[in-house]
């Protein structure tokens, strides 16, 4: 609302009426708060939704809600009550704007703007009583999500856990771990590490192996990346394969720099030689090699077609890994990087005409100066992480 009022003042086309803004935005968006709260609570309570994968799924559900209002507006012709299913409230705005302007194209994000066109007067929402009833009705959508959260909330009470379910889960996890361990020994042999005095390279290699062991989904992602990297067209690799790879890597990379603190293994972890003194480099290169393992084949295919955009893609991965390392060390939680980078990725993927957002050459509009800016940003983030970790060592903190 504040941003909309600021744009109103910037254009200077009509006097500002704050009460009208507050009334309109209140009617439209206050009813969405209970629904958002119930959905967020459900994601925290349901076990398979409460992890890093749930964070990504929550983000995709949020992006889908942006496409929901126009679809409901089209379906509501002759069936006005369908708009009650739009808990976001955007559908009413879309419908009124279509009626006032006569246009049928609706864009959220970067769009061309022609200042020479005359302004269109928007009289406000019509049929206010009808809209109020439907907005209050949309609050009821929070009930099923809250009911699921209520039913799943008992998982936080150890006294109410079902031992039979725990045993079944443990057996399934043991079977899955056995399957993973077989592939892990094939891809990363247990006895294949170099012997001799401790080194940073060996520590990084062991941490990469630990990542593969802890997150079996890496094998699925590697297999999919290998398949599509070999058989997809070059345009599909740049516009589909690499973007999806980046989205999938977000929760995986977020865990690498934070898992030791979350699992309370910091004291044991820092007992290893060289790890405490070179912790930032250790986590940075561990994340980088994990990401390059996933994207190796698509990146090689891209380099054979266009070396510059292959370098831009690698530079984008460096930027991503640097952000994951810095935000993980600063906050100690993977959610910070997941939320911020998914939002950045969504913005970058939606900005097909702005070279500044093409951080990995995904839209083939990145320039050498853009690539250099993101490379400099990566260096600054890693440097900040080194400085922060050095300051923490001086204070005598473990992590």
Foldseek 3Di string as FASTA:
>chain_A
DVVVQVVCVVLVPDDDDVVQVCVQCCLQAVLLVLQVVLLVLLQCQDVVLNALVVLLVVVVVVVVLVVPLLVQLVVCVVPVLSCLLNLRSVNQVLNQCCVQVVDSDDDDADDDDDPPDDDGDRPGGPPVVVSNVSNVSSSCNSVVSNVSSVVRNCVVPPVPDDVVVVVVVVVVVVVVLVVLVVVLCVVPNPPPQDDDDDDLVSLLVVLLSVLCSVDVVLVVLLVVLVVCLVPPDLLCLLQPVLLVLVSVLLSSLLCQQQVCVVVVVLVVVVVDPPCLLCVLVSSLVSSLVSSCSSNVSNLVSNCVVPVVLSLLQSLLSLLLSLLSSLVCVVPSGSSVRSVVVVVLSVNLSVCLPDQLSCSRCSNVPHDPVSVVVSNVVSVVSSVVSSVVSVVCVVVVDSD
